Protein backbone atom coordinates (compact mmCIF):
# COMPACT_ATOMS: atom_id res chain seq x y z
CA MET A 1 12.25 26.98 49.99
CA GLN A 2 11.97 23.66 48.14
CA ILE A 3 8.46 24.59 47.03
CA TYR A 4 9.74 27.86 45.55
CA ALA A 5 12.63 26.03 43.89
CA ASN A 6 10.25 23.56 42.24
CA ALA A 7 7.97 26.38 41.14
CA PHE A 8 10.91 28.26 39.63
CA CYS A 9 11.97 25.12 37.79
CA HIS A 10 8.49 24.73 36.28
CA ILE A 11 8.43 28.43 35.30
CA LYS A 12 11.78 28.01 33.54
CA LEU A 13 10.47 24.90 31.78
CA TYR A 14 7.27 26.71 30.74
CA ILE A 15 9.25 29.63 29.31
CA PHE A 16 11.59 27.36 27.42
CA MET A 17 8.85 25.20 25.98
CA SER A 18 6.80 28.17 24.66
CA PRO A 19 6.32 28.03 20.89
CA ILE A 20 8.55 31.04 20.18
CA ILE A 21 11.50 29.71 22.18
CA LEU A 22 11.04 26.17 20.89
CA LEU A 23 10.77 27.42 17.32
CA SER A 24 13.92 29.49 17.88
CA PHE A 25 15.66 26.36 19.16
CA ILE A 26 14.59 24.35 16.09
CA ILE A 27 15.56 27.15 13.71
CA GLY A 28 18.94 27.47 15.43
CA TYR A 29 19.41 23.72 15.12
CA PHE A 30 18.63 23.85 11.42
CA VAL A 31 20.80 26.90 10.81
CA VAL A 32 23.73 24.65 11.69
CA LEU A 33 22.46 21.95 9.29
CA ILE A 34 21.91 24.46 6.50
CA GLY A 35 25.39 25.85 7.11
CA ILE A 36 26.81 22.35 6.69
CA ALA A 37 24.74 21.94 3.53
CA GLN A 38 26.17 25.13 2.04
CA LEU A 39 29.70 23.94 2.73
CA THR A 40 29.22 20.40 1.42
CA ALA A 41 27.29 21.43 -1.71
CA LYS A 42 29.48 24.40 -2.58
CA GLY A 43 30.55 24.16 -6.21
CA THR A 44 29.36 20.53 -6.54
CA ALA A 45 25.56 20.65 -6.35
CA ASP A 46 25.12 18.30 -9.31
CA ASN A 47 23.22 15.03 -9.63
CA ALA A 48 26.25 12.80 -9.09
CA THR A 49 26.78 14.53 -5.74
CA PHE A 50 23.10 14.31 -4.84
CA PHE A 51 22.67 10.62 -5.73
CA THR A 52 25.99 9.01 -4.71
CA ALA A 53 28.13 11.73 -3.04
CA ASN A 54 30.55 10.99 -5.90
CA ARG A 55 31.27 7.66 -4.14
CA LYS A 56 33.79 9.37 -1.86
CA SER A 57 32.07 9.11 1.54
CA LYS A 58 34.15 8.09 4.54
CA TRP A 59 32.98 4.72 5.83
CA TYR A 60 33.10 5.74 9.50
CA LEU A 61 30.86 8.77 8.86
CA VAL A 62 28.40 6.60 6.94
CA ALA A 63 28.37 4.00 9.73
CA PHE A 64 27.75 6.54 12.47
CA GLY A 65 25.19 8.53 10.48
CA MET A 66 23.20 5.41 9.64
CA ILE A 67 22.38 4.98 13.32
CA GLY A 68 20.30 8.14 13.22
CA THR A 69 18.58 6.96 10.05
CA ALA A 70 17.82 3.48 11.39
CA LEU A 71 16.59 4.76 14.76
CA SER A 72 13.69 7.05 13.93
CA GLY A 73 11.78 9.29 16.30
CA VAL A 74 9.27 6.47 16.60
CA THR A 75 12.03 4.21 17.93
CA PHE A 76 13.18 6.98 20.25
CA ILE A 77 9.72 7.13 21.85
CA SER A 78 8.23 3.67 21.30
CA VAL A 79 11.08 1.31 22.26
CA PRO A 80 11.34 2.66 25.83
CA GLY A 81 7.55 2.71 26.05
CA LYS A 82 7.20 -0.93 24.98
CA VAL A 83 9.27 -2.15 27.93
CA GLY A 84 6.35 -1.72 30.34
CA ALA A 85 3.50 -2.35 27.90
CA PRO A 86 0.48 -4.27 29.26
CA SER A 87 1.36 -7.12 26.89
CA GLY A 88 4.48 -7.76 29.01
CA ASP A 89 7.09 -6.95 26.37
CA ALA A 90 9.92 -6.17 28.81
CA PHE A 91 13.21 -6.51 26.85
CA ALA A 92 11.65 -8.78 24.19
CA TYR A 93 12.53 -6.21 21.52
CA PHE A 94 16.18 -7.17 21.97
CA GLN A 95 15.40 -10.56 20.40
CA PHE A 96 14.33 -8.63 17.30
CA VAL A 97 17.53 -6.54 17.46
CA LEU A 98 19.65 -9.71 17.47
CA GLY A 99 17.81 -10.79 14.31
CA ASN A 100 18.52 -7.36 12.84
CA ALA A 101 22.24 -7.88 13.50
CA VAL A 102 22.23 -11.19 11.60
CA GLY A 103 20.33 -9.52 8.77
CA PHE A 104 22.91 -6.73 8.58
CA ILE A 105 25.72 -9.30 8.32
CA ILE A 106 23.94 -11.11 5.46
CA ILE A 107 23.48 -7.78 3.66
CA THR A 108 27.17 -7.03 4.14
CA MET A 109 28.35 -10.36 2.76
CA VAL A 110 25.76 -11.02 0.02
CA LEU A 111 23.93 -7.92 -1.21
CA LEU A 112 26.61 -5.23 -0.95
CA PRO A 113 29.12 -7.14 -3.14
CA LEU A 114 26.38 -7.57 -5.74
CA TYR A 115 25.47 -3.88 -5.75
CA TYR A 116 29.10 -2.78 -6.00
CA ARG A 117 29.91 -5.28 -8.73
CA LEU A 118 27.06 -3.88 -10.85
CA LYS A 119 27.94 -0.24 -9.93
CA LEU A 120 24.31 0.57 -9.19
CA THR A 121 22.91 3.99 -8.36
CA SER A 122 19.41 2.65 -7.76
CA ILE A 123 19.46 -0.87 -6.35
CA TYR A 124 16.27 -1.70 -8.26
CA SER A 125 18.14 -1.53 -11.58
CA TYR A 126 19.30 -5.07 -10.74
CA ILE A 127 15.74 -6.35 -11.18
CA GLU A 128 15.45 -5.17 -14.79
CA GLY A 129 18.32 -7.35 -15.95
CA THR A 130 17.31 -10.45 -14.00
CA LEU A 131 13.49 -10.39 -14.11
CA GLY A 132 12.34 -7.79 -16.63
CA TYR A 133 11.16 -4.24 -17.22
CA ARG A 134 7.78 -4.46 -15.43
CA SER A 135 9.37 -6.27 -12.50
CA TYR A 136 11.92 -3.47 -12.23
CA LYS A 137 9.29 -0.72 -12.27
CA THR A 138 7.18 -2.67 -9.77
CA ALA A 139 10.09 -3.01 -7.34
CA ALA A 140 10.87 0.71 -7.58
CA ALA A 141 7.19 1.61 -7.16
CA ILE A 142 6.95 -0.60 -4.06
CA PHE A 143 9.82 1.32 -2.52
CA LEU A 144 8.35 4.72 -3.40
CA ILE A 145 4.90 3.93 -1.99
CA SER A 146 6.25 2.21 1.12
CA ARG A 147 8.79 4.95 1.89
CA VAL A 148 6.33 7.80 1.42
CA ILE A 149 3.83 6.14 3.78
CA GLY A 150 6.49 4.98 6.25
CA SER A 151 8.34 8.30 6.37
CA ALA A 152 5.12 10.26 6.69
CA PHE A 153 3.92 7.99 9.47
CA ARG A 154 7.16 8.29 11.43
CA LEU A 155 7.20 12.06 11.13
CA TYR A 156 3.49 12.21 11.98
CA LEU A 157 3.90 10.24 15.20
CA VAL A 158 6.62 12.60 16.38
CA VAL A 159 4.72 15.72 15.30
CA ILE A 160 1.64 14.70 17.29
CA VAL A 161 3.83 14.27 20.38
CA LEU A 162 5.09 17.83 19.86
CA GLN A 163 1.50 18.95 19.39
CA LYS A 164 0.26 17.21 22.53
CA PHE A 165 2.98 18.44 24.84
CA ILE A 166 3.73 21.87 23.38
CA PHE A 167 1.88 23.34 20.42
CA ASP A 168 -1.73 22.44 21.21
CA PHE A 169 -1.60 24.65 24.29
CA TYR A 170 -0.83 27.62 22.03
CA HIS A 171 -3.31 26.58 19.28
CA VAL A 172 -0.64 26.10 16.61
CA PRO A 173 -2.16 24.05 13.74
CA LEU A 174 -0.56 20.70 13.08
CA ALA A 175 -0.29 21.52 9.37
CA VAL A 176 1.97 24.48 10.20
CA THR A 177 4.24 22.30 12.33
CA VAL A 178 4.49 19.70 9.57
CA PHE A 179 5.18 22.34 6.92
CA ILE A 180 7.98 23.92 8.98
CA CYS A 181 9.60 20.52 9.55
CA LEU A 182 9.51 19.55 5.87
CA PHE A 183 10.57 22.98 4.67
CA LEU A 184 13.63 22.91 6.91
CA ILE A 185 14.54 19.40 5.73
CA TRP A 186 14.17 20.50 2.10
CA ALA A 187 16.30 23.58 2.78
CA TYR A 188 19.40 21.64 3.81
CA THR A 189 19.07 18.65 1.45
CA HIS A 190 17.94 20.07 -1.91
CA LYS A 191 21.45 20.98 -3.11
CA GLY A 192 23.93 18.52 -1.68
CA GLY A 193 21.64 15.53 -1.30
CA LEU A 194 23.50 12.47 -0.09
CA LYS A 195 26.83 14.30 0.31
CA THR A 196 25.18 16.69 2.77
CA ILE A 197 23.22 13.97 4.55
CA ILE A 198 26.33 11.89 5.27
CA ILE A 199 27.60 14.83 7.36
CA THR A 200 24.33 16.08 8.86
CA ASP A 201 23.19 12.60 9.85
CA SER A 202 26.47 12.04 11.66
CA LEU A 203 25.86 15.24 13.61
CA GLN A 204 22.26 14.26 14.32
CA THR A 205 23.32 10.78 15.43
CA LEU A 206 25.74 12.44 17.86
CA PHE A 207 22.81 14.42 19.31
CA LEU A 208 20.66 11.28 19.44
CA VAL A 209 23.27 9.12 21.20
CA THR A 210 24.14 11.93 23.60
CA SER A 211 20.47 12.35 24.40
CA VAL A 212 20.06 8.66 25.26
CA PHE A 213 23.08 8.64 27.58
CA LEU A 214 22.10 11.90 29.25
CA SER A 215 18.53 10.65 29.68
CA LEU A 216 19.93 7.64 31.53
CA PHE A 217 22.03 9.93 33.69
CA PHE A 218 19.14 12.24 34.61
CA ILE A 219 16.74 9.38 35.36
CA CYS A 220 19.33 7.61 37.50
CA ARG A 221 19.99 10.86 39.35
CA SER A 222 16.27 11.36 39.98
CA LEU A 223 16.03 7.80 41.30
CA HIS A 224 19.22 8.28 43.39
CA LEU A 225 20.85 5.35 41.61
CA SER A 226 24.45 4.85 40.57
CA LEU A 227 25.26 3.09 37.29
CA PHE A 228 25.59 -0.26 39.04
CA GLY A 229 22.52 0.51 41.13
CA ALA A 230 20.53 1.15 37.94
CA VAL A 231 21.67 -2.19 36.48
CA THR A 232 20.60 -3.95 39.69
CA ALA A 233 17.26 -2.12 39.76
CA ILE A 234 16.51 -3.15 36.17
CA LYS A 235 17.60 -6.73 36.82
CA ASN A 236 15.34 -7.01 39.87
CA SER A 237 12.35 -5.38 38.16
CA SER A 238 9.58 -7.07 36.20
CA TYR A 239 10.96 -5.55 33.00
CA SER A 240 14.22 -7.48 32.72
CA GLN A 241 13.11 -10.57 30.78
CA VAL A 242 14.89 -10.72 27.43
CA PHE A 243 14.14 -14.15 25.95
CA PHE A 244 10.68 -15.64 25.58
CA PHE A 245 10.44 -19.37 24.82
CA ASN A 246 7.01 -20.27 26.20
CA ASP A 247 3.70 -20.72 24.33
CA PHE A 248 5.06 -20.77 20.80
CA LEU A 249 1.70 -20.72 19.00
CA PRO A 250 -0.10 -17.75 20.64
CA ASN A 251 2.90 -15.80 21.90
CA ARG A 252 3.93 -13.04 19.45
CA LEU A 253 7.00 -12.36 21.65
CA HIS A 254 8.40 -15.87 21.21
CA PHE A 255 12.13 -15.80 20.42
CA SER A 256 11.82 -17.57 17.07
CA LYS A 257 9.20 -15.11 15.78
CA GLN A 258 11.14 -12.04 16.89
CA PHE A 259 14.57 -13.32 15.81
CA ILE A 260 13.53 -14.67 12.41
CA GLY A 261 11.35 -11.63 11.81
CA GLY A 262 14.30 -9.39 12.69
CA ILE A 263 16.50 -11.10 10.10
CA PHE A 264 14.06 -10.90 7.20
CA ILE A 265 12.67 -7.46 8.00
CA THR A 266 16.27 -6.21 7.93
CA LEU A 267 16.97 -7.96 4.63
CA ALA A 268 13.84 -6.47 3.06
CA MET A 269 13.58 -3.04 4.69
CA VAL A 270 17.32 -2.29 4.73
CA GLY A 271 19.08 -4.49 2.18
CA LEU A 272 16.36 -4.03 -0.45
CA ASP A 273 15.61 -0.41 0.45
CA GLN A 274 17.18 2.41 -1.55
CA ASP A 275 17.43 4.64 1.54
CA LEU A 276 20.07 2.89 3.65
CA MET A 277 21.72 1.14 0.71
CA GLN A 278 22.26 4.48 -1.04
CA LYS A 279 24.53 5.52 1.81
CA ASN A 280 26.52 2.31 1.56
CA LEU A 281 26.94 2.79 -2.16
CA SER A 282 28.47 6.22 -1.55
CA CYS A 283 31.61 4.61 -0.10
CA LYS A 284 34.51 4.42 -2.54
CA ASN A 285 34.76 0.61 -2.59
CA ILE A 286 33.21 -2.58 -1.23
CA ARG A 287 35.78 -2.98 1.56
CA GLU A 288 34.92 0.41 3.02
CA ALA A 289 31.19 -0.27 2.66
CA GLN A 290 31.59 -3.55 4.54
CA LYS A 291 33.62 -1.90 7.31
CA ASN A 292 30.80 0.61 7.56
CA MET A 293 28.14 -2.09 7.93
CA PHE A 294 30.04 -4.13 10.53
CA SER A 295 30.69 -1.00 12.60
CA PHE A 296 27.10 0.13 12.23
CA THR A 297 25.81 -3.27 13.35
CA ALA A 298 27.84 -3.20 16.57
CA ILE A 299 26.74 0.34 17.44
CA PHE A 300 23.13 -0.47 16.56
CA VAL A 301 22.97 -3.38 19.00
CA VAL A 302 24.58 -1.42 21.85
CA ILE A 303 22.42 1.69 21.43
CA ASN A 304 19.24 -0.41 21.52
CA ILE A 305 20.34 -1.89 24.85
CA PHE A 306 20.49 1.65 26.20
CA PHE A 307 17.06 2.51 24.75
CA LEU A 308 15.55 -0.50 26.53
CA SER A 309 17.35 0.43 29.75
CA VAL A 310 15.90 3.96 29.54
CA GLY A 311 12.46 2.37 29.21
CA ALA A 312 12.87 0.18 32.29
CA LEU A 313 14.11 3.09 34.41
CA LEU A 314 11.27 5.32 33.17
CA TYR A 315 8.71 2.77 34.36
CA ILE A 316 10.48 2.39 37.71
CA TYR A 317 10.40 6.19 38.03
CA ALA A 318 6.72 6.34 37.02
CA ILE A 319 5.71 3.76 39.63
CA ARG A 320 7.62 5.52 42.41
CA ASN A 321 6.04 8.86 41.53
CA GLY A 322 2.52 7.69 40.71
CA ILE A 323 2.71 8.72 37.05
CA THR A 324 0.29 7.15 34.58
CA VAL A 325 -0.10 7.70 30.84
CA THR A 326 -2.85 6.77 28.40
CA LYS A 327 -0.38 5.37 25.86
CA THR A 328 3.05 3.82 26.35
CA ASP A 329 4.44 6.17 23.67
CA TYR A 330 3.66 9.11 25.97
CA LEU A 331 5.73 7.83 28.91
CA TYR A 332 9.15 9.12 27.82
CA PRO A 333 7.97 12.60 26.72
CA THR A 334 5.70 12.96 29.77
CA ILE A 335 8.49 12.33 32.26
CA ALA A 336 11.21 14.14 30.29
CA LEU A 337 9.16 17.28 29.68
CA ASN A 338 7.20 17.52 32.93
CA TYR A 339 9.15 15.91 35.76
CA LEU A 340 12.93 15.86 35.30
CA GLY A 341 13.58 19.59 34.89
CA LEU A 342 14.77 22.04 32.26
CA VAL A 343 18.00 20.41 31.05
CA PRO A 344 16.52 16.90 30.63
CA ALA A 345 13.62 18.47 28.71
CA VAL A 346 16.06 20.16 26.34
CA VAL A 347 18.03 16.93 25.98
CA PHE A 348 14.87 14.99 25.14
CA MET A 349 13.76 17.52 22.52
CA LEU A 350 17.24 17.49 20.98
CA GLY A 351 17.27 13.72 20.74
CA LEU A 352 13.73 13.54 19.38
CA THR A 353 14.43 16.21 16.76
CA ALA A 354 17.69 14.55 15.69
CA ALA A 355 16.11 11.10 15.44
CA THR A 356 13.14 12.36 13.45
CA PHE A 357 14.99 14.44 10.90
CA ALA A 358 17.89 12.03 10.40
CA THR A 359 15.28 9.53 9.19
CA THR A 360 13.17 11.91 7.11
CA ASP A 361 15.99 13.72 5.30
CA SER A 362 17.56 10.42 4.27
CA ALA A 363 14.23 9.04 3.03
CA LEU A 364 13.49 12.20 1.04
CA THR A 365 16.84 11.97 -0.74
CA ALA A 366 16.37 8.25 -1.46
CA LEU A 367 12.86 8.83 -2.85
CA THR A 368 14.18 11.55 -5.14
CA THR A 369 17.06 9.35 -6.31
CA SER A 370 14.87 6.33 -7.00
CA PHE A 371 12.27 8.29 -8.98
CA CYS A 372 14.91 10.11 -11.03
CA VAL A 373 16.87 6.96 -11.86
CA ASP A 374 14.08 4.38 -12.06
CA PHE A 375 11.31 6.40 -13.71
CA LEU A 376 12.98 9.42 -15.34
CA ASN A 377 15.96 7.35 -16.56
CA PHE A 378 18.63 9.74 -15.32
CA SER A 379 21.27 7.01 -15.44
CA LYS A 380 20.69 6.62 -19.18
CA SER A 381 21.03 10.33 -19.87
CA GLU A 382 24.03 11.51 -21.89
CA ASP A 383 24.60 14.40 -19.48
CA ILE A 384 23.19 13.59 -16.06
CA ASN A 385 24.67 16.78 -14.59
CA SER A 386 23.19 19.23 -17.09
CA GLN A 387 21.18 22.17 -15.75
CA LYS A 388 18.02 20.67 -17.24
CA MET A 389 18.49 17.41 -15.33
CA ILE A 390 19.36 19.23 -12.11
CA ARG A 391 16.15 21.28 -12.41
CA LYS A 392 14.18 18.06 -12.93
CA ARG A 393 15.73 16.57 -9.81
CA ASN A 394 14.84 19.71 -7.83
CA TYR A 395 11.21 19.46 -8.97
CA VAL A 396 11.10 15.80 -7.91
CA HIS A 397 12.58 16.70 -4.52
CA VAL A 398 9.83 19.27 -3.95
CA LEU A 399 7.21 16.80 -5.21
CA PHE A 400 8.10 14.17 -2.62
CA SER A 401 8.24 16.80 0.14
CA GLY A 402 4.69 17.70 -0.84
CA LEU A 403 3.59 14.06 -0.96
CA ILE A 404 4.87 13.42 2.56
CA PHE A 405 3.10 16.60 3.74
CA ILE A 406 -0.22 15.53 2.17
CA THR A 407 0.10 12.01 3.56
CA ILE A 408 0.62 13.35 7.09
CA ILE A 409 -2.43 15.61 6.74
CA ILE A 410 -4.47 12.59 5.62
CA PHE A 411 -3.25 10.58 8.63
CA ASN A 412 -4.36 13.42 10.88
CA ALA A 413 -7.75 13.71 9.11
CA ILE A 414 -8.40 9.99 9.61
CA ASN A 415 -7.73 10.51 13.31
CA ASN A 416 -8.26 6.84 14.05
CA GLU A 417 -5.30 5.07 15.63
CA ALA A 418 -6.37 1.62 14.44
CA VAL A 419 -6.81 2.75 10.82
CA VAL A 420 -3.55 4.71 10.72
CA SER A 421 -1.62 1.82 12.27
CA ALA A 422 -3.16 -0.55 9.73
CA ILE A 423 -2.04 1.76 6.88
CA PHE A 424 1.50 1.74 8.23
CA LYS A 425 1.42 -2.03 8.63
CA VAL A 426 0.28 -2.41 5.03
CA ALA A 427 3.32 -0.32 4.03
CA THR A 428 5.59 -2.75 5.86
CA TYR A 429 3.82 -5.66 4.13
CA THR A 430 4.84 -4.31 0.74
CA TYR A 431 8.50 -5.04 1.43
CA GLY A 432 7.71 -8.76 1.41
CA PRO A 433 7.33 -8.85 -2.40
CA LEU A 434 10.76 -7.21 -2.72
CA LEU A 435 12.14 -10.13 -0.72
CA GLY A 436 10.47 -12.54 -3.14
CA LEU A 437 11.62 -10.67 -6.25
CA TYR A 438 15.27 -10.49 -5.22
CA SER A 439 15.29 -14.10 -3.98
CA PHE A 440 13.95 -15.27 -7.33
CA GLY A 441 16.53 -13.22 -9.22
CA LEU A 442 19.40 -14.50 -7.06
CA PHE A 443 18.53 -18.18 -6.78
CA VAL A 444 16.41 -19.19 -9.80
CA LYS A 445 18.54 -19.14 -12.94
CA GLN A 446 16.69 -21.57 -15.19
CA ARG A 447 13.23 -19.98 -15.14
CA LYS A 448 11.94 -16.74 -16.67
CA VAL A 449 9.24 -14.85 -14.77
CA SER A 450 6.04 -13.82 -16.48
CA ASP A 451 7.00 -10.17 -16.33
CA HIS A 452 3.51 -8.87 -17.12
CA LEU A 453 2.09 -10.74 -14.10
CA VAL A 454 4.62 -9.43 -11.56
CA PRO A 455 2.66 -6.25 -10.62
CA PHE A 456 -0.42 -8.36 -9.86
CA ILE A 457 1.60 -10.89 -7.86
CA CYS A 458 3.14 -8.08 -5.76
CA VAL A 459 -0.36 -6.84 -4.89
CA LEU A 460 -1.84 -10.29 -4.30
CA SER A 461 0.89 -11.52 -1.94
CA PRO A 462 0.48 -8.79 0.73
CA ALA A 463 -3.30 -9.18 0.48
CA ILE A 464 -2.99 -12.92 1.18
CA CYS A 465 -0.65 -12.21 4.10
CA TYR A 466 -3.05 -9.65 5.54
CA PHE A 467 -5.87 -12.19 5.42
CA ILE A 468 -3.68 -14.88 7.02
CA SER A 469 -2.55 -12.47 9.75
CA LEU A 470 -6.14 -11.58 10.67
CA ASN A 471 -7.23 -15.23 10.80
CA SER A 472 -4.05 -17.08 11.82
CA ALA A 473 -5.29 -18.06 15.30
CA ARG A 474 -8.33 -19.77 13.76
CA LEU A 475 -6.50 -21.26 10.77
CA PHE A 476 -3.36 -22.49 12.55
CA ASN A 477 -4.49 -23.76 15.93
CA GLY A 478 -3.93 -20.51 17.81
CA TYR A 479 -0.74 -19.39 16.03
CA VAL A 480 -0.24 -15.61 16.10
CA PHE A 481 2.06 -13.96 13.57
CA ASP A 482 4.37 -11.08 14.38
CA ASN A 483 7.48 -9.86 12.55
CA GLU A 484 8.04 -13.21 10.85
CA LEU A 485 5.01 -12.49 8.62
CA ILE A 486 7.37 -10.77 6.17
CA LEU A 487 9.05 -14.14 5.53
CA LEU A 488 5.67 -15.65 4.61
CA ASN A 489 5.02 -12.65 2.39
CA GLY A 490 8.29 -13.12 0.54
CA ALA A 491 7.73 -16.88 0.27
CA ILE A 492 4.26 -16.42 -1.24
CA THR A 493 5.66 -13.94 -3.77
CA PHE A 494 8.50 -16.34 -4.62
CA LEU A 495 6.08 -19.27 -5.04
CA LEU A 496 3.72 -17.28 -7.29
CA LEU A 497 6.66 -16.15 -9.41
CA LEU A 498 7.84 -19.75 -9.69
CA ILE A 499 4.39 -21.10 -10.60
CA THR A 500 3.89 -18.52 -13.36
CA ALA A 501 7.47 -18.69 -14.69
CA SER A 502 8.57 -20.47 -17.86
CA SER A 503 11.86 -21.98 -18.99
CA PHE A 504 14.39 -19.77 -20.77
CA THR A 505 15.00 -20.31 -24.45
CA ARG A 506 18.61 -20.58 -25.57
CA GLN A 507 18.41 -17.11 -27.13
CA GLN A 508 17.01 -15.60 -23.91
CA LYS A 509 19.84 -17.10 -21.89
CA ALA A 510 22.37 -15.62 -24.26
CA VAL A 511 21.14 -12.04 -23.83
CA LEU A 512 20.28 -12.25 -20.13
CA LYS A 513 22.47 -9.98 -18.01
CA PRO A 514 21.83 -7.51 -15.19
CA THR A 515 21.29 -3.93 -16.32
CA ILE A 516 23.63 -1.44 -14.65
């Protein structure tokens, strides 16, 4: 009878995971999101709503929704997979998370007050007043390029998981899957923009968090473990090490590298990134924005503990059941979709979908906002909410949807994991110059940058860092860089800006003020 029961379970899973049923599930999911979009954008689908949600967002909704944005589908799959990686990562990622938390606090206390005081729509407007016009355009361009590549890469990694486990069997082209995903995202964001995303991301975060907790429940049940039994099993496993203090030079997992890297990656890729900061700037005042960030930080740390715990239990389950995968990223989907049954499979797909689209919809809105404000000068328009300006914004929104689509297709055409990963890593390198630009603007008041040289400096610095990263073991007695490389990147940018800068004249000092 047990054999028949297992067979029936697999039949049910097969039926559910067929393309038609899965597509129906995704469409049903997005019908809800589109319904929310219609309600939130009704009568107020103007540019002020799209860019800043009229600065009326509730801080607790922003805080909760940001979890879904910060934890992409890549995090959903990769963080649990890293726990049992051959490199012995275990819970080392938590060191990075602790650095993230410190970075979030610095953003809350230093950057947010600055942005609110200047009443910014695009955070890169600050650069124009402190460093100059070319510096401003360079900072905005860095964000646009980095976000397009980063968002495309994150969506691509999740799409290929869907292809491998579901759509390839039915010969559904990857381009069709990507198009459907982006079309659905465009459908519920093109009117309400940020006002819609504040609500939809909160809903998607709820699905994501629920999925993580339910995944823990189903894995524990399959292993016949209680909650306390699961904690004991993780503690007694080889995956429980959190802090790494040995072999500072060659060990990329060393606490100082992960912790310091976590701080500065957060400062650059969150505090200096239009995406997450745009949500903060939609709160009605600085106090609410700060409450949002403190709450978000606490939830972020806790949810990552659960992600790592899921990873440890997945590896314990895999060892007990003789399951092997070719890549660590495949562990979670392999077990969830093939071994735990119908309901866990649905839960996994729900969490993966929520994590992926909470990140992509937010990025698409931020890209549209930055381009409209920083390059089309919407903030300087006499009537930002005119029909002409709204049409322009709609065209830009479609443009960036198309750019992300093309970028994903290029990733797939390359079809070389090392090359694609290198492209994504280069995108993360580009945030280092933002760190240098903002640091110079905040801390150097007596020197004027050579504005015409800034674009070249922001290209040269990541190139230098890439060379150093490739050769660090030979150049620095075996030292291996990891996340802390972004600090070096920012420092090189800062140093080059300082070397090429000149002293302000009295007249220049008199007119110098941040542009808002």
